[in-house]
Amino acid sequence: MQVLSNTIINELNGTVLLRNVLSQWSSLPRDLLISIFSRLSTADLLVSISAVCSAWRAAARNARFWRILDLSDWNYITCLIPGYVSFEQVFHRVLRLVRECELIEQVYVPRIADGQDLSLVSDRLPNLLYFSFPNAQVPGLMVYSALINFKSLKGIVVFPNFVLSTKVISLLNQYSPDLSELKLFAEKFGLGKNQKLVKK
């Protein structure tokens, strides 16, 4: 009986100790949390950090983390989220966490993103400045209709088949007058080599 009660007390002490440790982590100054979180990926902030506690979730909402939304490493993102997850589900999760969508300036989508995903991004983030879309299988018309929703677009990275016509260049000039950077995924590198956009 004494051994059993000691075991229960030790387990309770462990639980109390764990609660104390967790409460110490959650009470870290917000600036320190932001400094630590700045070294993490978008996926870590979205899935892991935001689920720990309300203090960490509040720190993860900091605008500094969401200026560039990089969802290109889809394998890593889906490893963190159990079960099947679509791009749309992840994107909506981002929007719920960030709240102020106008803070997002650049988006890098995974190669699994399709035309509907592209439309979703253009509908929800029309003031996006830079965009990378590495899926060459989406019909050009879907890409064009999404691209003209981006009114402030300064740069894009797409496959050559989307822009190798005077009609497309004309549309881009008309609907995105600030567009100054057009980068193409090189066919010889395949889909896995995503180029990052850099502001001038």
Protein backbone atom coordinates (compact mmCIF):
# COMPACT_ATOMS: atom_id res chain seq x y z
CA MET A 1 0.00 0.00 0.00
CA GLN A 2 2.84 2.40 0.93
CA VAL A 3 4.61 1.71 -2.41
CA LEU A 4 1.41 2.39 -4.34
CA SER A 5 0.75 5.66 -2.52
CA ASN A 6 4.37 6.77 -3.09
CA THR A 7 3.95 6.02 -6.79
CA ILE A 8 0.77 8.09 -6.94
CA ILE A 9 2.44 10.96 -5.07
CA ASN A 10 5.45 10.82 -7.42
CA GLU A 11 3.16 10.84 -10.44
CA LEU A 12 1.24 13.78 -9.00
CA ASN A 13 4.51 15.57 -8.28
CA GLY A 14 5.56 14.95 -11.88
CA THR A 15 2.28 16.39 -13.10
CA VAL A 16 2.68 19.44 -10.86
CA LEU A 17 6.27 19.83 -12.05
CA LEU A 18 5.16 19.57 -15.68
CA ARG A 19 2.45 22.20 -15.10
CA ASN A 20 5.03 24.50 -13.49
CA VAL A 21 7.40 24.08 -16.43
CA LEU A 22 4.61 24.72 -18.94
CA SER A 23 3.40 27.78 -17.08
CA GLN A 24 6.97 29.13 -17.04
CA TRP A 25 7.23 28.68 -20.82
CA SER A 26 3.87 30.34 -21.44
CA SER A 27 4.80 33.28 -19.24
CA LEU A 28 7.95 34.14 -21.20
CA PRO A 29 7.98 37.75 -22.40
CA ARG A 30 6.27 38.15 -25.77
CA ASP A 31 9.36 39.78 -27.33
CA LEU A 32 11.45 36.77 -26.35
CA LEU A 33 8.88 34.35 -27.80
CA ILE A 34 8.83 36.35 -31.05
CA SER A 35 12.62 36.28 -31.21
CA ILE A 36 12.65 32.50 -30.72
CA PHE A 37 9.77 31.89 -33.15
CA SER A 38 11.45 33.95 -35.87
CA ARG A 39 13.85 31.04 -36.37
CA LEU A 40 11.02 28.62 -37.19
CA SER A 41 9.32 27.74 -40.45
CA THR A 42 5.82 28.77 -41.50
CA ALA A 43 4.69 25.16 -40.94
CA ASP A 44 6.05 25.08 -37.39
CA LEU A 45 4.34 28.35 -36.51
CA LEU A 46 1.08 27.29 -38.09
CA VAL A 47 0.80 23.76 -36.73
CA SER A 48 3.02 23.30 -33.69
CA ILE A 49 3.58 26.65 -31.98
CA SER A 50 0.04 27.98 -32.34
CA ALA A 51 -1.33 24.86 -30.62
CA VAL A 52 0.76 25.06 -27.43
CA CYS A 53 -1.08 27.77 -25.49
CA SER A 54 -2.81 31.12 -25.97
CA ALA A 55 0.36 33.11 -25.22
CA TRP A 56 2.32 31.25 -27.88
CA ARG A 57 -0.57 31.52 -30.35
CA ALA A 58 -0.71 35.29 -29.77
CA ALA A 59 3.05 35.57 -30.35
CA ALA A 60 2.77 33.41 -33.49
CA ARG A 61 0.28 35.93 -34.93
CA ASN A 62 2.98 38.59 -35.09
CA ALA A 63 2.98 40.33 -38.48
CA ARG A 64 6.71 39.76 -38.91
CA PHE A 65 6.17 36.01 -39.45
CA TRP A 66 3.48 36.30 -42.10
CA ARG A 67 4.92 38.79 -44.58
CA ILE A 68 6.19 35.75 -46.51
CA LEU A 69 3.88 32.75 -46.53
CA ASP A 70 5.97 29.80 -47.65
CA LEU A 71 3.87 26.66 -48.05
CA SER A 72 6.15 25.14 -50.68
CA ASP A 73 7.49 22.35 -48.44
CA TRP A 74 4.25 20.38 -48.57
CA ASN A 75 5.82 17.12 -47.36
CA TYR A 76 6.89 18.75 -44.10
CA ILE A 77 3.52 20.47 -43.61
CA THR A 78 1.59 17.24 -44.12
CA CYS A 79 3.93 15.40 -41.71
CA LEU A 80 2.89 17.82 -38.96
CA ILE A 81 -0.85 17.46 -39.59
CA PRO A 82 -2.31 13.97 -39.06
CA GLY A 83 -4.50 12.55 -41.82
CA TYR A 84 -5.17 13.93 -45.26
CA VAL A 85 -5.02 17.70 -45.57
CA SER A 86 -5.70 19.80 -48.65
CA PHE A 87 -4.06 23.08 -49.61
CA GLU A 88 -7.40 24.80 -49.01
CA GLN A 89 -7.56 23.50 -45.42
CA VAL A 90 -4.03 24.67 -44.67
CA PHE A 91 -4.63 28.04 -46.31
CA HIS A 92 -7.79 28.61 -44.25
CA ARG A 93 -5.85 27.65 -41.14
CA VAL A 94 -3.31 30.35 -42.01
CA LEU A 95 -6.06 32.93 -42.50
CA ARG A 96 -7.62 32.08 -39.11
CA LEU A 97 -4.25 32.44 -37.39
CA VAL A 98 -3.01 35.56 -39.16
CA ARG A 99 -6.34 37.44 -39.12
CA GLU A 100 -4.87 40.48 -40.93
CA CYS A 101 -4.46 39.03 -44.44
CA GLU A 102 -3.18 42.30 -45.88
CA LEU A 103 0.07 41.65 -43.98
CA ILE A 104 0.91 38.80 -46.35
CA GLU A 105 3.09 40.11 -49.19
CA GLN A 106 4.53 36.95 -50.75
CA VAL A 107 3.09 33.46 -51.19
CA TYR A 108 4.89 30.31 -52.28
CA VAL A 109 2.41 27.51 -52.91
CA PRO A 110 3.31 23.82 -53.12
CA ARG A 111 3.39 22.06 -56.46
CA ILE A 112 0.22 20.15 -55.49
CA ALA A 113 -1.78 23.39 -55.57
CA ASP A 114 -4.25 23.41 -58.44
CA GLY A 115 -6.31 26.03 -60.27
CA GLN A 116 -8.93 26.22 -57.52
CA ASP A 117 -6.20 26.80 -54.95
CA LEU A 118 -4.75 29.54 -57.12
CA SER A 119 -8.20 31.17 -57.36
CA LEU A 120 -8.59 30.90 -53.58
CA VAL A 121 -5.31 32.72 -53.00
CA SER A 122 -6.13 35.44 -55.54
CA ASP A 123 -9.62 35.95 -54.05
CA ARG A 124 -8.42 36.17 -50.46
CA LEU A 125 -5.14 38.02 -51.05
CA PRO A 126 -5.76 40.44 -53.95
CA ASN A 127 -3.06 42.84 -52.68
CA LEU A 128 -0.31 40.25 -52.85
CA LEU A 129 3.01 41.61 -54.12
CA TYR A 130 4.90 38.43 -55.03
CA PHE A 131 3.63 35.00 -55.97
CA SER A 132 5.13 31.64 -56.93
CA PHE A 133 3.03 28.95 -58.60
CA PRO A 134 4.97 25.79 -59.52
CA ASN A 135 2.22 23.70 -61.12
CA ALA A 136 2.53 23.51 -64.91
CA GLN A 137 -0.53 21.24 -65.25
CA VAL A 138 -3.15 23.89 -64.47
CA PRO A 139 -4.96 25.19 -67.57
CA GLY A 140 -3.66 28.59 -68.64
CA LEU A 141 -7.10 30.19 -68.48
CA MET A 142 -7.35 29.44 -64.75
CA VAL A 143 -3.92 30.94 -64.16
CA TYR A 144 -4.77 34.08 -66.17
CA SER A 145 -8.09 34.66 -64.41
CA ALA A 146 -6.37 34.35 -61.03
CA LEU A 147 -3.44 36.57 -61.99
CA ILE A 148 -5.68 39.45 -63.01
CA ASN A 149 -7.15 39.50 -59.47
CA PHE A 150 -3.75 40.51 -58.10
CA LYS A 151 -3.92 44.29 -58.47
CA SER A 152 -0.60 45.09 -56.75
CA LEU A 153 1.52 42.27 -58.12
CA LYS A 154 5.19 43.20 -58.50
CA GLY A 155 6.64 39.77 -59.24
CA ILE A 156 5.66 36.22 -60.13
CA VAL A 157 7.35 32.89 -60.72
CA VAL A 158 5.46 30.58 -63.07
CA PHE A 159 6.15 28.00 -65.77
CA PRO A 160 6.99 29.32 -69.25
CA ASN A 161 3.81 27.89 -70.80
CA PHE A 162 1.75 30.48 -68.88
CA VAL A 163 3.45 33.59 -70.19
CA LEU A 164 4.76 32.81 -73.65
CA SER A 165 2.09 34.70 -75.51
CA THR A 166 1.49 38.37 -76.24
CA LYS A 167 -2.06 38.04 -74.84
CA VAL A 168 -0.73 37.06 -71.41
CA ILE A 169 1.89 39.80 -71.39
CA SER A 170 -0.82 42.26 -72.40
CA LEU A 171 -3.11 41.07 -69.58
CA LEU A 172 -0.30 41.33 -67.04
CA ASN A 173 0.52 44.86 -68.22
CA GLN A 174 -3.12 45.86 -68.01
CA TYR A 175 -4.05 44.35 -64.63
CA SER A 176 -0.70 44.46 -62.83
CA PRO A 177 0.94 47.74 -63.83
CA ASP A 178 3.54 47.43 -61.03
CA LEU A 179 4.77 44.03 -62.26
CA SER A 180 8.51 44.31 -62.73
CA GLU A 181 9.76 40.77 -62.02
CA LEU A 182 8.77 37.75 -64.04
CA LYS A 183 10.69 34.58 -63.30
CA LEU A 184 10.18 31.23 -64.94
CA PHE A 185 10.70 27.77 -63.54
CA ALA A 186 13.34 26.19 -65.74
CA GLU A 187 11.98 23.04 -67.37
CA LYS A 188 15.31 21.26 -67.05
CA PHE A 189 15.22 21.59 -63.24
CA GLY A 190 11.72 20.20 -62.88
CA LEU A 191 9.14 21.10 -60.27
CA GLY A 192 11.33 20.61 -57.22
CA LYS A 193 13.57 23.62 -57.76
CA ASN A 194 11.53 26.57 -56.54
CA GLN A 195 13.13 29.96 -57.09
CA LYS A 196 12.53 32.53 -54.39
CA LEU A 197 11.53 36.02 -55.32
CA VAL A 198 13.67 38.82 -54.00
CA LYS A 199 12.59 42.43 -53.85
CA LYS A 200 14.74 44.89 -55.74
